[in-house]
Protein backbone atom coordinates (compact mmCIF):
# COMPACT_ATOMS: atom_id res chain seq x y z
CA MET A 1 75.06 4.04 -81.48
CA ASP A 2 73.87 1.66 -84.16
CA ARG A 3 70.36 0.24 -83.82
CA ALA A 4 71.51 -3.30 -84.52
CA ASN A 5 74.28 -3.07 -81.94
CA ILE A 6 72.59 -4.68 -78.93
CA ASP A 7 74.31 -6.65 -76.23
CA VAL A 8 73.41 -10.34 -75.94
CA ASP A 9 72.78 -10.00 -72.21
CA ASP A 10 70.31 -7.16 -72.80
CA LEU A 11 68.50 -9.20 -75.43
CA LEU A 12 68.29 -12.19 -73.08
CA LYS A 13 66.90 -9.94 -70.32
CA VAL A 14 64.19 -8.68 -72.68
CA ILE A 15 63.29 -12.24 -73.73
CA LEU A 16 63.25 -13.38 -70.09
CA GLY A 17 60.96 -10.49 -69.16
CA LEU A 18 58.57 -11.33 -72.01
CA VAL A 19 58.47 -15.01 -71.00
CA ILE A 20 57.73 -14.06 -67.38
CA VAL A 21 54.88 -11.78 -68.48
CA TRP A 22 53.52 -14.55 -70.71
CA LEU A 23 53.60 -17.08 -67.85
CA LEU A 24 51.86 -14.63 -65.50
CA VAL A 25 49.12 -14.05 -68.07
CA GLU A 26 48.65 -17.82 -68.48
CA ILE A 27 48.46 -18.33 -64.70
CA LEU A 28 45.98 -15.46 -64.35
CA GLY A 29 43.85 -16.92 -67.13
CA THR A 30 43.80 -20.31 -65.41
CA VAL A 31 42.81 -18.75 -62.08
CA LEU A 32 40.02 -16.77 -63.75
CA ASP A 33 38.77 -19.89 -65.54
CA LEU A 34 38.62 -21.78 -62.24
CA THR A 35 36.86 -18.85 -60.56
CA PHE A 36 34.22 -18.63 -63.28
CA ALA A 37 33.75 -22.41 -63.19
CA LEU A 38 33.07 -22.21 -59.45
CA LEU A 39 30.69 -19.30 -59.96
CA ASP A 40 28.84 -21.28 -62.61
CA ALA A 41 28.45 -24.16 -60.15
CA LEU A 42 27.30 -21.88 -57.33
CA PRO A 43 23.52 -22.09 -58.03
CA MET A 44 23.73 -25.89 -58.04
CA LEU A 45 25.60 -25.86 -54.73
CA VAL A 46 23.01 -23.52 -53.20
CA ALA A 47 20.20 -25.80 -54.39
CA VAL A 48 21.92 -28.85 -52.86
CA ALA A 49 22.40 -26.97 -49.57
CA ILE A 50 18.71 -26.00 -49.50
CA VAL A 51 17.64 -29.60 -50.15
CA VAL A 52 19.93 -30.86 -47.39
CA LEU A 53 18.64 -28.26 -44.93
CA ILE A 54 15.00 -29.12 -45.72
CA ALA A 55 15.72 -32.85 -45.39
CA LEU A 56 17.43 -32.29 -42.05
CA ARG A 57 14.52 -30.13 -40.84
CA LEU A 58 11.96 -32.75 -41.84
CA ALA A 59 14.01 -35.47 -40.12
CA ASP A 60 14.14 -33.35 -36.93
CA ARG A 61 17.90 -33.14 -37.06
CA ILE A 62 17.91 -29.34 -36.87
């Protein structure tokens, strides 16, 4: 079998597989970016929640 003798369908399957892997890596990167963005905002959200709880306590709403 000659190395350069590859079927077109096999080559297209390899290219399709590589494109699928590339898309999955891009999607995973986007999900991780969103997760880290939310984690970066977490201390601010906790601070806002504490301020709201203190304000509600002082206003006798709790």
